[in-house]
Amino acid sequence: MKKILIGLLFMMLSGCLGYVPGQQSYWDAQVREMCEKDGGGDGV
């Protein structure tokens, strides 16, 4: 029961902060792909 409560609390706090695990890596990949198409940037 305690683990469920901690999990729910973490999900609520992360939702408020706008942090979603994996979302940052998704957008990093999107930006890298756009830079490669444009031929600019260093892939970061």
C-alpha atoms as a PDB file:
ATOM      1  CA  MET A   1       0.000   0.000   0.000  1.00  0.00           C
ATOM      2  CA  LYS A   2       2.819   2.386   0.852  1.00  0.00           C
ATOM      3  CA  LYS A   3       4.512   1.872  -2.535  1.00  0.00           C
ATOM      4  CA  ILE A   4       1.253   2.663  -4.343  1.00  0.00           C
ATOM      5  CA  LEU A   5       0.853   5.863  -2.344  1.00  0.00           C
ATOM      6  CA  ILE A   6       4.428   6.933  -3.085  1.00  0.00           C
ATOM      7  CA  GLY A   7       3.907   6.149  -6.787  1.00  0.00           C
ATOM      8  CA  LEU A   8       0.726   8.225  -6.924  1.00  0.00           C
ATOM      9  CA  LEU A   9       2.416  11.096  -5.114  1.00  0.00           C
ATOM     10  CA  PHE A  10       5.358  11.001  -7.540  1.00  0.00           C
ATOM     11  CA  MET A  11       3.005  10.980 -10.539  1.00  0.00           C
ATOM     12  CA  MET A  12       1.057  13.941  -9.181  1.00  0.00           C
ATOM     13  CA  LEU A  13       4.196  15.961  -8.473  1.00  0.00           C
ATOM     14  CA  SER A  14       5.806  15.128 -11.801  1.00  0.00           C
ATOM     15  CA  GLY A  15       2.566  16.109 -13.565  1.00  0.00           C
ATOM     16  CA  CYS A  16       2.568  19.473 -11.808  1.00  0.00           C
ATOM     17  CA  LEU A  17       6.197  20.073 -12.673  1.00  0.00           C
ATOM     18  CA  GLY A  18       5.663  19.048 -16.281  1.00  0.00           C
ATOM     19  CA  TYR A  19       8.271  16.287 -16.093  1.00  0.00           C
ATOM     20  CA  VAL A  20       7.491  13.136 -18.018  1.00  0.00           C
ATOM     21  CA  PRO A  21      10.208  10.461 -18.146  1.00  0.00           C
ATOM     22  CA  GLY A  22      11.288   9.903 -21.726  1.00  0.00           C
ATOM     23  CA  GLN A  23       9.710  13.059 -23.101  1.00  0.00           C
ATOM     24  CA  GLN A  24      12.994  14.980 -23.116  1.00  0.00           C
ATOM     25  CA  SER A  25      14.803  12.243 -25.024  1.00  0.00           C
ATOM     26  CA  TYR A  26      11.924  12.195 -27.548  1.00  0.00           C
ATOM     27  CA  TRP A  27      12.269  15.920 -28.239  1.00  0.00           C
ATOM     28  CA  ASP A  28      16.077  15.688 -28.343  1.00  0.00           C
ATOM     29  CA  ALA A  29      15.696  13.097 -31.105  1.00  0.00           C
ATOM     30  CA  GLN A  30      13.212  15.310 -32.981  1.00  0.00           C
ATOM     31  CA  VAL A  31      15.531  18.331 -32.841  1.00  0.00           C
ATOM     32  CA  ARG A  32      18.512  16.212 -33.919  1.00  0.00           C
ATOM     33  CA  GLU A  33      16.513  14.894 -36.878  1.00  0.00           C
ATOM     34  CA  MET A  34      15.489  18.404 -37.942  1.00  0.00           C
ATOM     35  CA  CYS A  35      19.102  19.617 -37.702  1.00  0.00           C
ATOM     36  CA  GLU A  36      20.271  16.740 -39.876  1.00  0.00           C
ATOM     37  CA  LYS A  37      17.636  17.581 -42.508  1.00  0.00           C
ATOM     38  CA  ASP A  38      18.634  21.250 -42.493  1.00  0.00           C
ATOM     39  CA  GLY A  39      22.325  20.383 -42.590  1.00  0.00           C
ATOM     40  CA  GLY A  40      23.048  22.694 -39.685  1.00  0.00           C
ATOM     41  CA  GLY A  41      23.912  22.324 -36.045  1.00  0.00           C
ATOM     42  CA  ASP A  42      26.156  19.779 -34.409  1.00  0.00           C
ATOM     43  CA  GLY A  43      23.406  17.315 -33.523  1.00  0.00           C
ATOM     44  CA  VAL A  44      22.888  18.634 -30.028  1.00  0.00           C
END
